Amino acid sequence: MGTTSFLTRARGLLHIRNQLVRECLAELLSTFVLIIITLGSAAQKITSFETKGNLITSYLAGALAVMVGIYTAGGISGAHMNPAFSFAMCLMEQFPWWKFPIFVVVQTLASFIAAGAAYILYYGIGEQHRAREPHGDAGVARIMDMLCLCPPDAIWHYSNGTLTVSGPRETASIFATYPADYVSIGNGFLDQVIGTGVLMVGVMGIMDTRNKGVPKGLEPVVVALLVLSIESSMGSNCGCPLNPARDIGPRLFTYVAGWGPEVFRWVEGRGRGGDGR
């Protein structure tokens, strides 16, 4: 009885009554889940030299992450997880415009935090390499070294201790997407417009009750299959981000974590090109 009473009182104290705050927290959590699974799959693929993952596992993880995110917060915030989707909902008058900038900030913040979590996770596991060499200008890495939070394993071991954006051992594509060498700026823009447009049309079609209905509760699964189909058919040019927050948040993280301003520049010969997730 005592424990039950304590839990009841705790739930009452922690209960958030403001609907906007609840929606923002739900959006933060769902976007965090989406991005950490997506980035984690890319980190596992790259830092293991593709022995513990490949392009297919990355695509599957990204699609399933969408499904988990929707199940996490779909009933509270709608689990937009994507500024492009929030914008589309505003255009369809199914979401108020005044909430749009708030959701964009929350989604981007969640992506930034998730990138940091993925960095810590794959900074400290992998090949169990225990060398303690300095990390140059990587500010976050230096701080982790000083605090001894975890040994510099997977990312450090793969990149030989340097955080680079280009070259055969670059690791920036773990976090953000970069175009393949043959893709021009115009073609990259068109690639994202078409890919994101197909995603929006597909999701709107799934949500439209006038179409053939998806069995109740299985909508996230169908959306995940839609994402997987787009990744499998439109991923070679730019890595198929389809989500501004998924790219901007982790890219900002790599900028402050030690990869530097080069993460915002187009550089020929990045090595991984469009297949990096």
C-alpha atoms as a PDB file:
ATOM      1  CA  MET A   1       0.000   0.000   0.000  1.00  0.00           C
ATOM      2  CA  GLY A   2       2.792   2.395   0.854  1.00  0.00           C
ATOM      3  CA  THR A   3       4.587   1.858  -2.431  1.00  0.00           C
ATOM      4  CA  THR A   4       1.357   2.177  -4.398  1.00  0.00           C
ATOM      5  CA  SER A   5       0.469   5.400  -2.612  1.00  0.00           C
ATOM      6  CA  PHE A   6       3.946   6.807  -3.247  1.00  0.00           C
ATOM      7  CA  LEU A   7       3.768   5.982  -6.963  1.00  0.00           C
ATOM      8  CA  THR A   8       0.322   7.547  -7.200  1.00  0.00           C
ATOM      9  CA  ARG A   9       1.565  10.755  -5.583  1.00  0.00           C
ATOM     10  CA  ALA A  10       4.654  10.761  -7.809  1.00  0.00           C
ATOM     11  CA  ARG A  11       2.533  10.381 -10.943  1.00  0.00           C
ATOM     12  CA  GLY A  12       0.369  13.240  -9.777  1.00  0.00           C
ATOM     13  CA  LEU A  13       3.371  15.505  -9.230  1.00  0.00           C
ATOM     14  CA  LEU A  14       5.007  14.585 -12.540  1.00  0.00           C
ATOM     15  CA  HIS A  15       1.831  14.777 -14.589  1.00  0.00           C
ATOM     16  CA  ILE A  16       2.119  17.507 -17.221  1.00  0.00           C
ATOM     17  CA  ARG A  17      -1.177  19.272 -17.761  1.00  0.00           C
ATOM     18  CA  ASN A  18      -0.081  21.720 -20.445  1.00  0.00           C
ATOM     19  CA  GLN A  19      -0.961  20.119 -23.771  1.00  0.00           C
ATOM     20  CA  LEU A  20       1.721  21.947 -25.761  1.00  0.00           C
ATOM     21  CA  VAL A  21       4.457  20.861 -23.347  1.00  0.00           C
ATOM     22  CA  ARG A  22       3.221  17.276 -23.544  1.00  0.00           C
ATOM     23  CA  GLU A  23       3.276  17.373 -27.336  1.00  0.00           C
ATOM     24  CA  CYS A  24       6.772  18.871 -27.400  1.00  0.00           C
ATOM     25  CA  LEU A  25       8.137  16.239 -25.005  1.00  0.00           C
ATOM     26  CA  ALA A  26       6.499  13.483 -27.041  1.00  0.00           C
ATOM     27  CA  GLU A  27       7.950  14.895 -30.241  1.00  0.00           C
ATOM     28  CA  LEU A  28      11.355  15.176 -28.595  1.00  0.00           C
ATOM     29  CA  LEU A  29      11.264  11.540 -27.474  1.00  0.00           C
ATOM     30  CA  SER A  30       9.977  10.115 -30.762  1.00  0.00           C
ATOM     31  CA  THR A  31      12.505  12.063 -32.834  1.00  0.00           C
ATOM     32  CA  PHE A  32      15.299  11.043 -30.476  1.00  0.00           C
ATOM     33  CA  VAL A  33      14.360   7.376 -30.902  1.00  0.00           C
ATOM     34  CA  LEU A  34      14.192   7.769 -34.684  1.00  0.00           C
ATOM     35  CA  ILE A  35      17.594   9.420 -34.982  1.00  0.00           C
ATOM     36  CA  ILE A  36      19.571   7.335 -32.500  1.00  0.00           C
ATOM     37  CA  ILE A  37      18.476   4.095 -34.194  1.00  0.00           C
ATOM     38  CA  THR A  38      19.232   5.534 -37.632  1.00  0.00           C
ATOM     39  CA  LEU A  39      22.653   6.875 -36.661  1.00  0.00           C
ATOM     40  CA  GLY A  40      23.469   3.796 -34.620  1.00  0.00           C
ATOM     41  CA  SER A  41      22.929   1.570 -37.637  1.00  0.00           C
ATOM     42  CA  ALA A  42      25.237   3.773 -39.714  1.00  0.00           C
ATOM     43  CA  ALA A  43      27.896   3.763 -36.987  1.00  0.00           C
ATOM     44  CA  GLN A  44      27.750  -0.006 -36.642  1.00  0.00           C
ATOM     45  CA  LYS A  45      28.036  -0.441 -40.403  1.00  0.00           C
ATOM     46  CA  ILE A  46      30.926   1.969 -40.883  1.00  0.00           C
ATOM     47  CA  THR A  47      33.057   1.385 -37.796  1.00  0.00           C
ATOM     48  CA  SER A  48      32.899  -2.406 -38.192  1.00  0.00           C
ATOM     49  CA  PHE A  49      34.161  -2.112 -41.784  1.00  0.00           C
ATOM     50  CA  GLU A  50      30.748  -3.493 -42.833  1.00  0.00           C
ATOM     51  CA  THR A  51      31.309  -6.783 -41.025  1.00  0.00           C
ATOM     52  CA  LYS A  52      28.409  -6.098 -38.626  1.00  0.00           C
ATOM     53  CA  GLY A  53      26.125  -4.210 -40.970  1.00  0.00           C
ATOM     54  CA  ASN A  54      25.619  -3.155 -44.559  1.00  0.00           C
ATOM     55  CA  LEU A  55      23.437  -0.911 -46.681  1.00  0.00           C
ATOM     56  CA  ILE A  56      20.416  -3.181 -46.235  1.00  0.00           C
ATOM     57  CA  THR A  57      20.667  -3.192 -42.438  1.00  0.00           C
ATOM     58  CA  SER A  58      21.007   0.602 -42.457  1.00  0.00           C
ATOM     59  CA  TYR A  59      17.884   0.980 -44.567  1.00  0.00           C
ATOM     60  CA  LEU A  60      15.963  -1.487 -42.402  1.00  0.00           C
ATOM     61  CA  ALA A  61      17.025   0.298 -39.216  1.00  0.00           C
ATOM     62  CA  GLY A  62      15.962   3.675 -40.617  1.00  0.00           C
ATOM     63  CA  ALA A  63      12.545   2.358 -41.640  1.00  0.00           C
ATOM     64  CA  LEU A  64      11.943   0.484 -38.389  1.00  0.00           C
ATOM     65  CA  ALA A  65      13.051   3.561 -36.433  1.00  0.00           C
ATOM     66  CA  VAL A  66      10.218   5.493 -38.073  1.00  0.00           C
ATOM     67  CA  MET A  67       7.789   2.795 -36.964  1.00  0.00           C
ATOM     68  CA  VAL A  68       9.055   2.867 -33.363  1.00  0.00           C
ATOM     69  CA  GLY A  69       8.903   6.674 -33.293  1.00  0.00           C
ATOM     70  CA  ILE A  70       5.276   6.695 -34.431  1.00  0.00           C
ATOM     71  CA  TYR A  71       4.289   4.084 -31.875  1.00  0.00           C
ATOM     72  CA  THR A  72       6.093   6.135 -29.214  1.00  0.00           C
ATOM     73  CA  ALA A  73       4.306   9.452 -29.684  1.00  0.00           C
ATOM     74  CA  GLY A  74       1.682   9.099 -32.407  1.00  0.00           C
ATOM     75  CA  GLY A  75      -1.194   9.441 -29.960  1.00  0.00           C
ATOM     76  CA  ILE A  76       0.172  12.591 -28.321  1.00  0.00           C
ATOM     77  CA  SER A  77       1.950  14.797 -30.832  1.00  0.00           C
ATOM     78  CA  GLY A  78       1.235  12.893 -34.015  1.00  0.00           C
ATOM     79  CA  ALA A  79       4.919  11.871 -34.121  1.00  0.00           C
ATOM     80  CA  HIS A  80       5.810  14.200 -36.976  1.00  0.00           C
ATOM     81  CA  MET A  81       9.573  13.778 -36.364  1.00  0.00           C
ATOM     82  CA  ASN A  82      10.148  15.700 -39.592  1.00  0.00           C
ATOM     83  CA  PRO A  83       9.780  19.437 -40.342  1.00  0.00           C
ATOM     84  CA  ALA A  84       8.726  18.555 -43.887  1.00  0.00           C
ATOM     85  CA  PHE A  85       5.806  16.539 -42.554  1.00  0.00           C
ATOM     86  CA  SER A  86       4.846  19.283 -40.101  1.00  0.00           C
ATOM     87  CA  PHE A  87       4.919  21.768 -42.999  1.00  0.00           C
ATOM     88  CA  ALA A  88       2.748  19.487 -45.135  1.00  0.00           C
ATOM     89  CA  MET A  89       0.259  19.130 -42.300  1.00  0.00           C
ATOM     90  CA  CYS A  90       0.097  22.918 -42.003  1.00  0.00           C
ATOM     91  CA  LEU A  91      -0.596  23.239 -45.731  1.00  0.00           C
ATOM     92  CA  MET A  92      -3.398  20.683 -45.381  1.00  0.00           C
ATOM     93  CA  GLU A  93      -4.807  22.734 -42.475  1.00  0.00           C
ATOM     94  CA  GLN A  94      -4.450  19.756 -40.158  1.00  0.00           C
ATOM     95  CA  PHE A  95      -1.833  21.428 -37.972  1.00  0.00           C
ATOM     96  CA  PRO A  96      -1.749  25.048 -36.726  1.00  0.00           C
ATOM     97  CA  TRP A  97       0.922  27.271 -38.253  1.00  0.00           C
ATOM     98  CA  TRP A  98       1.887  28.766 -34.895  1.00  0.00           C
ATOM     99  CA  LYS A  99       3.055  25.326 -33.708  1.00  0.00           C
ATOM    100  CA  PHE A 100       5.209  24.748 -36.786  1.00  0.00           C
ATOM    101  CA  PRO A 101       8.361  26.655 -35.661  1.00  0.00           C
ATOM    102  CA  ILE A 102       8.088  25.115 -32.188  1.00  0.00           C
ATOM    103  CA  PHE A 103       8.011  21.593 -33.597  1.00  0.00           C
ATOM    104  CA  VAL A 104      10.918  22.341 -35.946  1.00  0.00           C
ATOM    105  CA  VAL A 105      13.066  23.495 -33.018  1.00  0.00           C
ATOM    106  CA  VAL A 106      12.097  20.466 -30.919  1.00  0.00           C
ATOM    107  CA  GLN A 107      12.791  18.022 -33.773  1.00  0.00           C
ATOM    108  CA  THR A 108      16.172  19.601 -34.509  1.00  0.00           C
ATOM    109  CA  LEU A 109      17.112  19.626 -30.824  1.00  0.00           C
ATOM    110  CA  ALA A 110      16.154  15.971 -30.473  1.00  0.00           C
ATOM    111  CA  SER A 111      18.286  15.100 -33.506  1.00  0.00           C
ATOM    112  CA  PHE A 112      21.243  16.964 -32.014  1.00  0.00           C
ATOM    113  CA  ILE A 113      20.884  15.131 -28.690  1.00  0.00           C
ATOM    114  CA  ALA A 114      20.500  11.786 -30.452  1.00  0.00           C
ATOM    115  CA  ALA A 115      23.680  12.452 -32.443  1.00  0.00           C
ATOM    116  CA  GLY A 116      25.509  13.071 -29.179  1.00  0.00           C
ATOM    117  CA  ALA A 117      24.139   9.846 -27.717  1.00  0.00           C
ATOM    118  CA  ALA A 118      25.191   7.865 -30.806  1.00  0.00           C
ATOM    119  CA  TYR A 119      28.647   9.450 -30.632  1.00  0.00           C
ATOM    120  CA  ILE A 120      29.102   8.440 -26.999  1.00  0.00           C
ATOM    121  CA  LEU A 121      27.762   4.948 -27.698  1.00  0.00           C
ATOM    122  CA  TYR A 122      30.116   4.273 -30.605  1.00  0.00           C
ATOM    123  CA  TYR A 123      32.995   6.208 -29.132  1.00  0.00           C
ATOM    124  CA  GLY A 124      33.161   3.666 -26.339  1.00  0.00           C
ATOM    125  CA  ILE A 125      32.411   0.288 -27.911  1.00  0.00           C
ATOM    126  CA  GLY A 126      33.669  -1.643 -30.865  1.00  0.00           C
ATOM    127  CA  GLU A 127      37.118  -3.195 -31.252  1.00  0.00           C
ATOM    128  CA  GLN A 128      38.065  -2.572 -27.600  1.00  0.00           C
ATOM    129  CA  HIS A 129      41.091  -0.541 -28.618  1.00  0.00           C
ATOM    130  CA  ARG A 130      42.576   0.876 -25.421  1.00  0.00           C
ATOM    131  CA  ALA A 131      45.182   3.301 -26.705  1.00  0.00           C
ATOM    132  CA  ARG A 132      44.872   6.731 -25.058  1.00  0.00           C
ATOM    133  CA  GLU A 133      46.257   9.088 -27.670  1.00  0.00           C
ATOM    134  CA  PRO A 134      45.158  12.741 -27.874  1.00  0.00           C
ATOM    135  CA  HIS A 135      42.382  13.669 -30.285  1.00  0.00           C
ATOM    136  CA  GLY A 136      43.689  16.898 -31.751  1.00  0.00           C
ATOM    137  CA  ASP A 137      41.016  19.525 -32.177  1.00  0.00           C
ATOM    138  CA  ALA A 138      38.041  17.285 -31.369  1.00  0.00           C
ATOM    139  CA  GLY A 139      36.635  19.204 -28.404  1.00  0.00           C
ATOM    140  CA  VAL A 140      34.018  16.672 -27.305  1.00  0.00           C
ATOM    141  CA  ALA A 141      36.533  13.823 -27.654  1.00  0.00           C
ATOM    142  CA  ARG A 142      39.102  15.690 -25.533  1.00  0.00           C
ATOM    143  CA  ILE A 143      36.515  16.284 -22.819  1.00  0.00           C
ATOM    144  CA  MET A 144      35.582  12.604 -22.801  1.00  0.00           C
ATOM    145  CA  ASP A 145      39.248  11.679 -22.562  1.00  0.00           C
ATOM    146  CA  MET A 146      39.721  13.941 -19.541  1.00  0.00           C
ATOM    147  CA  LEU A 147      36.603  12.597 -17.839  1.00  0.00           C
ATOM    148  CA  CYS A 148      37.501   9.002 -18.804  1.00  0.00           C
ATOM    149  CA  LEU A 149      33.853   8.352 -19.627  1.00  0.00           C
ATOM    150  CA  CYS A 150      34.789   5.522 -21.962  1.00  0.00           C
ATOM    151  CA  PRO A 151      37.766   4.272 -23.945  1.00  0.00           C
ATOM    152  CA  PRO A 152      38.174   5.581 -27.487  1.00  0.00           C
ATOM    153  CA  ASP A 153      37.172   2.488 -29.400  1.00  0.00           C
ATOM    154  CA  ALA A 154      34.909   2.252 -32.445  1.00  0.00           C
ATOM    155  CA  ILE A 155      35.048   5.701 -34.045  1.00  0.00           C
ATOM    156  CA  TRP A 156      38.634   6.298 -32.922  1.00  0.00           C
ATOM    157  CA  HIS A 157      39.825   2.897 -34.092  1.00  0.00           C
ATOM    158  CA  TYR A 158      38.134   3.166 -37.483  1.00  0.00           C
ATOM    159  CA  SER A 159      39.355   6.707 -38.193  1.00  0.00           C
ATOM    160  CA  ASN A 160      42.860   6.234 -36.744  1.00  0.00           C
ATOM    161  CA  GLY A 161      42.201   8.983 -34.232  1.00  0.00           C
ATOM    162  CA  THR A 162      41.159  11.721 -36.688  1.00  0.00           C
ATOM    163  CA  LEU A 163      37.653  13.070 -37.211  1.00  0.00           C
ATOM    164  CA  THR A 164      37.454  13.728 -40.940  1.00  0.00           C
ATOM    165  CA  VAL A 165      34.728  14.585 -43.429  1.00  0.00           C
ATOM    166  CA  SER A 166      36.443  13.224 -46.546  1.00  0.00           C
ATOM    167  CA  GLY A 167      38.708  10.349 -47.429  1.00  0.00           C
ATOM    168  CA  PRO A 168      38.489   6.564 -47.104  1.00  0.00           C
ATOM    169  CA  ARG A 169      38.272   6.681 -43.276  1.00  0.00           C
ATOM    170  CA  GLU A 170      35.873   9.593 -42.920  1.00  0.00           C
ATOM    171  CA  THR A 171      33.273   9.290 -40.153  1.00  0.00           C
ATOM    172  CA  ALA A 172      31.117  12.375 -40.700  1.00  0.00           C
ATOM    173  CA  SER A 173      28.672  10.344 -42.810  1.00  0.00           C
ATOM    174  CA  ILE A 174      27.758   8.381 -39.696  1.00  0.00           C
ATOM    175  CA  PHE A 175      25.832  11.430 -38.565  1.00  0.00           C
ATOM    176  CA  ALA A 176      24.811  13.461 -41.621  1.00  0.00           C
ATOM    177  CA  THR A 177      24.194  12.597 -45.251  1.00  0.00           C
ATOM    178  CA  TYR A 178      26.515  13.724 -48.033  1.00  0.00           C
ATOM    179  CA  PRO A 179      25.958  13.577 -51.806  1.00  0.00           C
ATOM    180  CA  ALA A 180      27.849  11.185 -54.028  1.00  0.00           C
ATOM    181  CA  ASP A 181      30.719  12.732 -55.992  1.00  0.00           C
ATOM    182  CA  TYR A 182      28.772  12.739 -59.254  1.00  0.00           C
ATOM    183  CA  VAL A 183      25.759  14.632 -57.854  1.00  0.00           C
ATOM    184  CA  SER A 184      25.465  18.325 -58.681  1.00  0.00           C
ATOM    185  CA  ILE A 185      23.816  20.832 -56.357  1.00  0.00           C
ATOM    186  CA  GLY A 186      20.796  21.061 -58.642  1.00  0.00           C
ATOM    187  CA  ASN A 187      20.396  17.309 -58.888  1.00  0.00           C
ATOM    188  CA  GLY A 188      20.830  16.930 -55.132  1.00  0.00           C
ATOM    189  CA  PHE A 189      18.066  19.478 -54.552  1.00  0.00           C
ATOM    190  CA  LEU A 190      15.771  17.713 -57.028  1.00  0.00           C
ATOM    191  CA  ASP A 191      16.584  14.354 -55.438  1.00  0.00           C
ATOM    192  CA  GLN A 192      15.395  15.561 -52.047  1.00  0.00           C
ATOM    193  CA  VAL A 193      12.316  17.323 -53.409  1.00  0.00           C
ATOM    194  CA  ILE A 194      11.168  14.175 -55.213  1.00  0.00           C
ATOM    195  CA  GLY A 195      12.053  11.775 -52.372  1.00  0.00           C
ATOM    196  CA  THR A 196      10.409  13.898 -49.692  1.00  0.00           C
ATOM    197  CA  GLY A 197       7.433  14.539 -51.968  1.00  0.00           C
ATOM    198  CA  VAL A 198       6.877  10.805 -52.468  1.00  0.00           C
ATOM    199  CA  LEU A 199       7.101  10.326 -48.697  1.00  0.00           C
ATOM    200  CA  MET A 200       4.518  13.046 -48.035  1.00  0.00           C
ATOM    201  CA  VAL A 201       2.116  11.755 -50.707  1.00  0.00           C
ATOM    202  CA  GLY A 202       2.433   8.212 -49.376  1.00  0.00           C
ATOM    203  CA  VAL A 203       1.831   9.201 -45.748  1.00  0.00           C
ATOM    204  CA  MET A 204      -1.128  11.394 -46.687  1.00  0.00           C
ATOM    205  CA  GLY A 205      -2.576   8.512 -48.684  1.00  0.00           C
ATOM    206  CA  ILE A 206      -2.186   6.152 -45.749  1.00  0.00           C
ATOM    207  CA  MET A 207      -3.875   8.674 -43.441  1.00  0.00           C
ATOM    208  CA  ASP A 208      -6.771   9.417 -45.821  1.00  0.00           C
ATOM    209  CA  THR A 209      -9.825   7.549 -44.559  1.00  0.00           C
ATOM    210  CA  ARG A 210     -11.389   7.672 -48.029  1.00  0.00           C
ATOM    211  CA  ASN A 211      -8.716   5.287 -49.327  1.00  0.00           C
ATOM    212  CA  LYS A 212      -8.470   1.598 -48.565  1.00  0.00           C
ATOM    213  CA  GLY A 213      -7.961   1.611 -44.857  1.00  0.00           C
ATOM    214  CA  VAL A 214      -4.916   0.202 -43.109  1.00  0.00           C
ATOM    215  CA  PRO A 215      -5.876  -2.082 -40.189  1.00  0.00           C
ATOM    216  CA  LYS A 216      -6.024   0.022 -37.045  1.00  0.00           C
ATOM    217  CA  GLY A 217      -2.730   0.005 -35.187  1.00  0.00           C
ATOM    218  CA  LEU A 218      -0.701  -1.064 -38.205  1.00  0.00           C
ATOM    219  CA  GLU A 219      -0.321   2.399 -39.750  1.00  0.00           C
ATOM    220  CA  PRO A 220       3.255   2.792 -38.407  1.00  0.00           C
ATOM    221  CA  VAL A 221       4.225  -0.518 -40.015  1.00  0.00           C
ATOM    222  CA  VAL A 222       2.916   0.606 -43.407  1.00  0.00           C
ATOM    223  CA  VAL A 223       4.702   3.963 -43.095  1.00  0.00           C
ATOM    224  CA  ALA A 224       7.922   2.074 -42.292  1.00  0.00           C
ATOM    225  CA  LEU A 225       7.479   0.002 -45.460  1.00  0.00           C
ATOM    226  CA  LEU A 226       6.962   3.221 -47.416  1.00  0.00           C
ATOM    227  CA  VAL A 227      10.201   4.654 -46.020  1.00  0.00           C
ATOM    228  CA  LEU A 228      12.048   1.426 -46.817  1.00  0.00           C
ATOM    229  CA  SER A 229      10.818   1.509 -50.419  1.00  0.00           C
ATOM    230  CA  ILE A 230      12.015   5.107 -50.869  1.00  0.00           C
ATOM    231  CA  GLU A 231      15.395   4.341 -49.284  1.00  0.00           C
ATOM    232  CA  SER A 232      15.843   1.323 -51.549  1.00  0.00           C
ATOM    233  CA  SER A 233      15.000   3.252 -54.719  1.00  0.00           C
ATOM    234  CA  MET A 234      16.244   6.806 -54.087  1.00  0.00           C
ATOM    235  CA  GLY A 235      19.162   6.453 -51.691  1.00  0.00           C
ATOM    236  CA  SER A 236      22.231   6.416 -53.930  1.00  0.00           C
ATOM    237  CA  ASN A 237      22.441  10.122 -54.764  1.00  0.00           C
ATOM    238  CA  CYS A 238      22.303  11.784 -51.350  1.00  0.00           C
ATOM    239  CA  GLY A 239      21.768   9.055 -48.780  1.00  0.00           C
ATOM    240  CA  CYS A 240      18.007   9.641 -48.651  1.00  0.00           C
ATOM    241  CA  PRO A 241      17.669  11.817 -45.522  1.00  0.00           C
ATOM    242  CA  LEU A 242      14.095  12.971 -46.386  1.00  0.00           C
ATOM    243  CA  ASN A 243      14.094  14.897 -43.121  1.00  0.00           C
ATOM    244  CA  PRO A 244      15.691  18.323 -42.538  1.00  0.00           C
ATOM    245  CA  ALA A 245      15.937  17.780 -38.778  1.00  0.00           C
ATOM    246  CA  ARG A 246      17.581  14.372 -39.275  1.00  0.00           C
ATOM    247  CA  ASP A 247      20.368  16.097 -41.220  1.00  0.00           C
ATOM    248  CA  ILE A 248      20.715  19.536 -39.598  1.00  0.00           C
ATOM    249  CA  GLY A 249      20.789  18.403 -35.967  1.00  0.00           C
ATOM    250  CA  PRO A 250      23.506  15.734 -36.364  1.00  0.00           C
ATOM    251  CA  ARG A 251      25.448  17.977 -38.760  1.00  0.00           C
ATOM    252  CA  LEU A 252      25.539  20.722 -36.136  1.00  0.00           C
ATOM    253  CA  PHE A 253      26.732  18.156 -33.626  1.00  0.00           C
ATOM    254  CA  THR A 254      29.624  17.067 -35.845  1.00  0.00           C
ATOM    255  CA  TYR A 255      30.570  20.720 -36.258  1.00  0.00           C
ATOM    256  CA  VAL A 256      30.944  21.267 -32.508  1.00  0.00           C
ATOM    257  CA  ALA A 257      32.286  17.760 -31.764  1.00  0.00           C
ATOM    258  CA  GLY A 258      35.455  18.133 -33.783  1.00  0.00           C
ATOM    259  CA  TRP A 259      34.744  17.571 -37.460  1.00  0.00           C
ATOM    260  CA  GLY A 260      34.752  21.327 -38.015  1.00  0.00           C
ATOM    261  CA  PRO A 261      33.161  23.656 -40.593  1.00  0.00           C
ATOM    262  CA  GLU A 262      33.927  21.258 -43.444  1.00  0.00           C
ATOM    263  CA  VAL A 263      30.681  19.442 -42.588  1.00  0.00           C
ATOM    264  CA  PHE A 264      28.840  22.349 -44.225  1.00  0.00           C
ATOM    265  CA  ARG A 265      30.900  22.258 -47.449  1.00  0.00           C
ATOM    266  CA  TRP A 266      30.653  20.124 -50.549  1.00  0.00           C
ATOM    267  CA  VAL A 267      33.943  18.294 -50.982  1.00  0.00           C
ATOM    268  CA  GLU A 268      34.707  15.994 -53.898  1.00  0.00           C
ATOM    269  CA  GLY A 269      36.003  12.567 -52.961  1.00  0.00           C
ATOM    270  CA  ARG A 270      34.380  12.148 -49.573  1.00  0.00           C
ATOM    271  CA  GLY A 271      34.850   8.439 -50.106  1.00  0.00           C
ATOM    272  CA  ARG A 272      31.434   7.085 -49.091  1.00  0.00           C
ATOM    273  CA  GLY A 273      29.201   9.272 -51.198  1.00  0.00           C
ATOM    274  CA  GLY A 274      25.474   8.698 -51.220  1.00  0.00           C
ATOM    275  CA  ASP A 275      25.472   5.299 -49.610  1.00  0.00           C
ATOM    276  CA  GLY A 276      26.477   6.650 -46.200  1.00  0.00           C
ATOM    277  CA  ARG A 277      23.600   6.779 -43.746  1.00  0.00           C
END
